[in-house]
Amino acid sequence: MASNAVARPDHVQPSSVVEFDIYAPPGGKDDFHRAWQKVRQADTPDLVWSGQNGGHWIPLRNAVIREILADPARFGNTASILPKTAYGEQGLIPVTLDPPEHGPYRELLRASLSPRAVRDSEDAIRAISVGLIEAVKSQRHCDFVADYATLFPVRVFMKIALLDPDDAIMLRGWTDHMLRPDPDADWGDDVSGWRRGIRLFRAYLEPIIKARRGGTGDDILSRIVNGTIEGDPIPPDDALQMSVLVLLAGLDTVVNFLGFAMEHLAQSPRLQTTLASDPAIIPRAVEELVRRFPVVTMAREVMEDCEFRGSVLKRGDMIAIPTPLGGLDPMANACPMDVDPGRRAREHVTFGNGPHRCPGAFLARAEIRITLEEWMSRIPNFGLAPGIKVRHVPGGVAGVESLPLVWPG
């Protein structure tokens, strides 16, 4: 977004500067994850600065990213997207709160997203997956993104939240506009479409949570709106912000991850054979795919002047947090671009780190595992449709545009 490019501040050393747009990495439409690898060269410092998107630092090593995420006192979550001006006055609790304030809000999500809650929902989740796969199995081809990835996690979340499934397409459209904007567009005051998207989500959810306030429902939105914060009822706008946040998360992240994971599997016949013949390996494959294909780039704000990793940081500086660089760091994982379910140890920040670690990680893992179990048991041998060039869509949450697959009858 050229309109948000800024000059290098005086406290940033020229040797730290790179020209890199986190929302449009060069080559990102061809291979999103390899495009991110290009910013990390042998002579590049662990922390670099880009003037794009309002100006921000970029940590290039898994250890540095983990350290930033684990230290909200120095690196706060008051603005978790770039540019900082995108938020305006509409925050997203609890993401935009740091400890200790964010703890009671995060606790409201625990009952709906805990391992036990996910296990209790597994039969329903599996039924959704099976239905979508059976719908395409006999035709011997599909667009995996359109026919499965865009539908499965969204239907799961709409069921968990007791929302009208017919609204899913509309809500996904708003999410795309917010998280994968046109990098050449000048949005002016409506930076990246984020503010407009938040307004739309708030208008959609406001009557829903109003209707559930005071009720006895045990869905995730009812638990939020009827929750308490330190003994007092949650303020209405806080409940609305939390509802917007969980809706955004439920509609997007796993959708996009599945596209990357299945693109890899479609080009890996040996791995297909392994997973189909020995389903017990699938949980390990899930962990490896999660490491290999992170999709989220978030942000942190420097809360106090400090020296960090050899650079001077000033209060108010922004830091991009590219989760792809964590799991793909060769200093953290040997041969990081390889997918090896037998990898003995793996490091990544796909679900974050520290107090803001993704509360939906258990649900995400279950959705990915169930997808692989049900797909490989029904369609054990598949590949990319002939002549297809898969295109990636960079952004705050990257995705795969379309994934045409074929398989024998």
Foldseek 3Di string as FASTA:
>chain_A
DVVQFDDDDPQADPLQEDAADQLCQVCCFQPVLVSLVVVDDPPHAQKHWHRPQNIFIEGQEQVQLQVLLACCVFWNQLAKATPSLQCPPQAFPPSNPDPPQRVLLVVLQCVCQPLVNLVVCLVVLLVLLLVLCVVCQVVQKDWCLVSPLQQRLLVVLCVLQVHDSVCLVVLLVLLCQQWQPDPPDDPDSNPSVNVVSLVVLLVVCVVVLVVLAPHDDPRSLNSLQQDADPRHGDPSSNSSSNVSVVSSVSNDQLSFLVQVLVQVVQVPLVVLVVCLVDVVLLLLLLVLSLLQDQFAKIKIFGCAFDADSNGTDHGGHMYINDQSSHSQPCVFPPPSNDRDSPGPDTTTQSQHHHPPRNSNPSNSSSSSSSNSVSCSNSASHKHFDPPDRWTKRGGNGIHTPITMMGGDD
